[in-house]
Amino acid sequence: MKGHRPAPPPRRLARTKPRAELRLPEHLGEAERQNWIARLGREARAAARLKHPGIITVHDRISGPDGRPWIVMELVSACTSPLRTEPRN
């Protein structure tokens, strides 16, 4: 399962909630696609039940206009470590 984080939507409320899109392989048939979408739904529901300071909160699971599933989650603000931005040798 491969996730993708698009740019956040324009702020309409006081909070911004990032969304993660499930990108499915292009070669999947319809039955396999539906299995992946169902699995995402189960995993999103399980993750939404978890409450811990070290776990990002899952708020919702939605479908885009094309039917692709998205997970709406808590936005965690953090600074970037200089060690992570420097190229590796």
N, C-alpha and C. Protein backbone atom coordinates (compact mmCIF):
# COMPACT_ATOMS: atom_id res chain seq x y z
N MET A 1 0.85 -1.16 0.00
CA MET A 1 0.00 0.00 0.00
C MET A 1 0.90 1.22 0.00
N LYS A 2 0.67 2.13 -0.90
CA LYS A 2 1.53 3.29 -1.05
C LYS A 2 0.71 4.54 -0.75
N GLY A 3 1.21 5.40 0.12
CA GLY A 3 0.49 6.61 0.47
C GLY A 3 1.06 7.82 -0.21
N HIS A 4 0.29 8.86 -0.30
CA HIS A 4 0.71 10.12 -0.92
C HIS A 4 0.10 11.24 -0.12
N ARG A 5 0.90 12.24 0.21
CA ARG A 5 0.39 13.39 0.95
C ARG A 5 0.37 14.61 0.06
N PRO A 6 -0.81 15.00 -0.40
CA PRO A 6 -0.90 16.19 -1.24
C PRO A 6 -0.77 17.45 -0.39
N ALA A 7 -0.65 18.58 -1.06
CA ALA A 7 -0.61 19.86 -0.34
C ALA A 7 -1.90 20.02 0.45
N PRO A 8 -1.82 20.63 1.65
CA PRO A 8 -3.03 20.79 2.45
C PRO A 8 -4.05 21.67 1.75
N PRO A 9 -5.33 21.43 2.01
CA PRO A 9 -6.37 22.24 1.39
C PRO A 9 -6.37 23.64 1.98
N PRO A 10 -7.03 24.60 1.33
CA PRO A 10 -7.10 25.95 1.90
C PRO A 10 -7.77 25.90 3.28
N ARG A 11 -7.34 26.75 4.18
CA ARG A 11 -7.89 26.75 5.54
C ARG A 11 -9.28 27.36 5.53
N ARG A 12 -10.23 26.58 5.97
CA ARG A 12 -11.60 27.06 6.12
C ARG A 12 -11.98 27.12 7.59
N LEU A 13 -11.33 26.28 8.37
CA LEU A 13 -11.57 26.24 9.80
C LEU A 13 -10.28 26.63 10.50
N ALA A 14 -10.32 26.67 11.80
CA ALA A 14 -9.14 27.02 12.57
C ALA A 14 -8.07 25.94 12.48
N ARG A 15 -8.46 24.73 12.11
CA ARG A 15 -7.51 23.61 12.06
C ARG A 15 -7.33 23.12 10.64
N THR A 16 -6.14 22.68 10.35
CA THR A 16 -5.87 22.02 9.07
C THR A 16 -5.68 20.54 9.36
N LYS A 17 -6.31 19.71 8.57
CA LYS A 17 -6.18 18.26 8.74
C LYS A 17 -5.58 17.70 7.46
N PRO A 18 -4.39 17.13 7.56
CA PRO A 18 -3.79 16.54 6.36
C PRO A 18 -4.56 15.31 5.91
N ARG A 19 -4.43 15.03 4.63
CA ARG A 19 -5.10 13.87 4.05
C ARG A 19 -4.05 12.99 3.39
N ALA A 20 -4.22 11.71 3.49
CA ALA A 20 -3.34 10.76 2.81
C ALA A 20 -4.18 9.98 1.81
N GLU A 21 -3.73 9.96 0.57
CA GLU A 21 -4.43 9.27 -0.49
C GLU A 21 -3.83 7.88 -0.69
N LEU A 22 -4.68 6.90 -0.85
CA LEU A 22 -4.21 5.55 -1.18
C LEU A 22 -4.02 5.47 -2.69
N ARG A 23 -2.78 5.24 -3.10
CA ARG A 23 -2.50 5.07 -4.52
C ARG A 23 -2.37 3.58 -4.81
N LEU A 24 -3.23 3.11 -5.64
CA LEU A 24 -3.24 1.69 -5.99
C LEU A 24 -2.44 1.46 -7.26
N PRO A 25 -1.80 0.29 -7.38
CA PRO A 25 -1.10 -0.03 -8.63
C PRO A 25 -2.08 -0.02 -9.80
N GLU A 26 -1.60 0.46 -10.93
CA GLU A 26 -2.45 0.59 -12.13
C GLU A 26 -2.95 -0.75 -12.65
N HIS A 27 -2.19 -1.82 -12.44
CA HIS A 27 -2.53 -3.12 -13.04
C HIS A 27 -3.62 -3.89 -12.29
N LEU A 28 -4.13 -3.37 -11.19
CA LEU A 28 -5.13 -4.11 -10.41
C LEU A 28 -6.46 -4.21 -11.15
N GLY A 29 -7.07 -5.37 -11.03
CA GLY A 29 -8.42 -5.53 -11.54
C GLY A 29 -9.41 -4.93 -10.55
N GLU A 30 -10.65 -4.86 -10.93
CA GLU A 30 -11.67 -4.22 -10.08
C GLU A 30 -11.83 -4.95 -8.74
N ALA A 31 -11.81 -6.28 -8.75
CA ALA A 31 -11.96 -7.04 -7.50
C ALA A 31 -10.79 -6.76 -6.56
N GLU A 32 -9.56 -6.76 -7.09
CA GLU A 32 -8.39 -6.47 -6.25
C GLU A 32 -8.44 -5.04 -5.73
N ARG A 33 -8.87 -4.13 -6.57
CA ARG A 33 -8.99 -2.72 -6.16
C ARG A 33 -9.96 -2.58 -4.99
N GLN A 34 -11.10 -3.25 -5.10
CA GLN A 34 -12.09 -3.19 -4.02
C GLN A 34 -11.55 -3.83 -2.73
N ASN A 35 -10.75 -4.90 -2.85
CA ASN A 35 -10.13 -5.51 -1.67
C ASN A 35 -9.20 -4.53 -0.98
N TRP A 36 -8.38 -3.81 -1.76
CA TRP A 36 -7.45 -2.82 -1.18
C TRP A 36 -8.23 -1.70 -0.49
N ILE A 37 -9.30 -1.23 -1.12
CA ILE A 37 -10.10 -0.15 -0.54
C ILE A 37 -10.77 -0.63 0.75
N ALA A 38 -11.28 -1.86 0.76
CA ALA A 38 -11.88 -2.40 1.98
C ALA A 38 -10.85 -2.53 3.09
N ARG A 39 -9.65 -2.97 2.73
CA ARG A 39 -8.57 -3.10 3.72
C ARG A 39 -8.22 -1.73 4.31
N LEU A 40 -8.13 -0.72 3.46
CA LEU A 40 -7.86 0.63 3.96
C LEU A 40 -8.94 1.07 4.94
N GLY A 41 -10.20 0.77 4.63
CA GLY A 41 -11.29 1.13 5.53
C GLY A 41 -11.14 0.45 6.89
N ARG A 42 -10.80 -0.83 6.88
CA ARG A 42 -10.60 -1.56 8.14
C ARG A 42 -9.43 -0.98 8.93
N GLU A 43 -8.33 -0.71 8.24
CA GLU A 43 -7.15 -0.17 8.92
C GLU A 43 -7.40 1.24 9.45
N ALA A 44 -8.14 2.05 8.71
CA ALA A 44 -8.46 3.40 9.17
C ALA A 44 -9.34 3.35 10.42
N ARG A 45 -10.33 2.44 10.43
CA ARG A 45 -11.20 2.30 11.61
C ARG A 45 -10.39 1.83 12.82
N ALA A 46 -9.48 0.89 12.60
CA ALA A 46 -8.64 0.39 13.71
C ALA A 46 -7.74 1.51 14.22
N ALA A 47 -7.12 2.26 13.32
CA ALA A 47 -6.23 3.36 13.73
C ALA A 47 -7.00 4.46 14.45
N ALA A 48 -8.24 4.71 14.05
CA ALA A 48 -9.05 5.76 14.68
C ALA A 48 -9.38 5.43 16.13
N ARG A 49 -9.35 4.16 16.49
CA ARG A 49 -9.65 3.76 17.88
C ARG A 49 -8.45 3.94 18.80
N LEU A 50 -7.26 4.11 18.24
CA LEU A 50 -6.05 4.24 19.05
C LEU A 50 -5.90 5.65 19.58
N LYS A 51 -5.63 5.78 20.86
CA LYS A 51 -5.41 7.08 21.50
C LYS A 51 -4.13 7.00 22.30
N HIS A 52 -3.11 7.72 21.84
CA HIS A 52 -1.82 7.73 22.52
C HIS A 52 -1.06 8.95 22.06
N PRO A 53 -0.29 9.59 22.95
CA PRO A 53 0.45 10.80 22.55
C PRO A 53 1.45 10.54 21.42
N GLY A 54 1.90 9.32 21.26
CA GLY A 54 2.89 9.00 20.23
C GLY A 54 2.29 8.55 18.91
N ILE A 55 0.95 8.58 18.80
CA ILE A 55 0.27 8.11 17.58
C ILE A 55 -0.53 9.26 16.99
N ILE A 56 -0.41 9.46 15.70
CA ILE A 56 -1.21 10.48 15.01
C ILE A 56 -2.66 10.03 14.98
N THR A 57 -3.58 10.94 15.32
CA THR A 57 -5.00 10.63 15.36
C THR A 57 -5.58 10.57 13.95
N VAL A 58 -6.33 9.51 13.67
CA VAL A 58 -7.06 9.39 12.42
C VAL A 58 -8.48 9.90 12.68
N HIS A 59 -8.89 10.92 11.89
CA HIS A 59 -10.21 11.53 12.10
C HIS A 59 -11.30 10.92 11.21
N ASP A 60 -10.95 10.55 9.98
CA ASP A 60 -11.98 10.11 9.06
C ASP A 60 -11.36 9.36 7.89
N ARG A 61 -12.19 8.67 7.16
CA ARG A 61 -11.83 8.02 5.90
C ARG A 61 -12.86 8.48 4.90
N ILE A 62 -12.41 9.13 3.84
CA ILE A 62 -13.33 9.68 2.85
C ILE A 62 -12.99 9.14 1.47
N SER A 63 -13.89 9.37 0.52
CA SER A 63 -13.64 8.99 -0.87
C SER A 63 -13.61 10.26 -1.71
N GLY A 64 -12.64 10.31 -2.63
CA GLY A 64 -12.54 11.44 -3.55
C GLY A 64 -13.59 11.33 -4.64
N PRO A 65 -13.67 12.34 -5.50
CA PRO A 65 -14.67 12.33 -6.58
C PRO A 65 -14.52 11.13 -7.52
N ASP A 66 -13.28 10.62 -7.63
CA ASP A 66 -13.04 9.48 -8.51
C ASP A 66 -13.17 8.14 -7.77
N GLY A 67 -13.56 8.18 -6.49
CA GLY A 67 -13.76 6.96 -5.72
C GLY A 67 -12.55 6.50 -4.94
N ARG A 68 -11.39 7.15 -5.15
CA ARG A 68 -10.19 6.75 -4.41
C ARG A 68 -10.33 7.13 -2.94
N PRO A 69 -9.87 6.25 -2.05
CA PRO A 69 -9.99 6.52 -0.62
C PRO A 69 -8.90 7.45 -0.10
N TRP A 70 -9.25 8.24 0.91
CA TRP A 70 -8.34 9.14 1.59
C TRP A 70 -8.51 8.96 3.09
N ILE A 71 -7.43 9.16 3.84
CA ILE A 71 -7.50 9.16 5.30
C ILE A 71 -7.25 10.58 5.77
N VAL A 72 -8.13 11.10 6.61
CA VAL A 72 -7.98 12.44 7.19
C VAL A 72 -7.41 12.25 8.58
N MET A 73 -6.28 12.92 8.85
CA MET A 73 -5.58 12.69 10.11
C MET A 73 -5.15 13.99 10.77
N GLU A 74 -4.67 13.86 11.98
CA GLU A 74 -4.16 14.98 12.77
C GLU A 74 -2.93 15.59 12.09
N LEU A 75 -2.85 16.93 12.13
CA LEU A 75 -1.67 17.61 11.63
C LEU A 75 -0.68 17.76 12.79
N VAL A 76 0.53 17.29 12.59
CA VAL A 76 1.56 17.41 13.61
C VAL A 76 2.59 18.41 13.11
N SER A 77 2.70 19.53 13.80
CA SER A 77 3.69 20.54 13.43
C SER A 77 5.02 20.17 14.06
N ALA A 78 6.06 20.25 13.26
CA ALA A 78 7.39 19.93 13.76
C ALA A 78 8.42 20.64 12.89
N CYS A 79 9.60 20.82 13.46
CA CYS A 79 10.68 21.41 12.66
C CYS A 79 11.45 20.28 12.00
N THR A 80 12.13 20.61 10.92
CA THR A 80 12.91 19.63 10.20
C THR A 80 14.32 19.58 10.79
N SER A 81 14.79 18.41 11.02
CA SER A 81 16.14 18.23 11.54
C SER A 81 17.15 18.51 10.43
N PRO A 82 18.20 19.28 10.71
CA PRO A 82 19.22 19.52 9.69
C PRO A 82 19.87 18.23 9.19
N LEU A 83 19.90 17.23 10.04
CA LEU A 83 20.49 15.95 9.64
C LEU A 83 19.69 15.28 8.53
N ARG A 84 18.40 15.53 8.50
CA ARG A 84 17.55 14.88 7.50
C ARG A 84 17.55 15.63 6.17
N THR A 85 17.95 16.90 6.17
CA THR A 85 17.92 17.67 4.94
C THR A 85 19.24 17.67 4.20
N GLU A 86 20.31 17.24 4.87
CA GLU A 86 21.61 17.20 4.22
C GLU A 86 21.70 15.95 3.35
N PRO A 87 22.28 16.09 2.13
CA PRO A 87 22.40 14.91 1.26
C PRO A 87 23.32 13.87 1.87
N ARG A 88 23.02 12.62 1.62
CA ARG A 88 23.87 11.51 2.09
C ARG A 88 24.99 11.27 1.10
N ASN A 89 26.15 10.89 1.61
CA ASN A 89 27.29 10.59 0.74
C ASN A 89 27.26 9.15 0.29
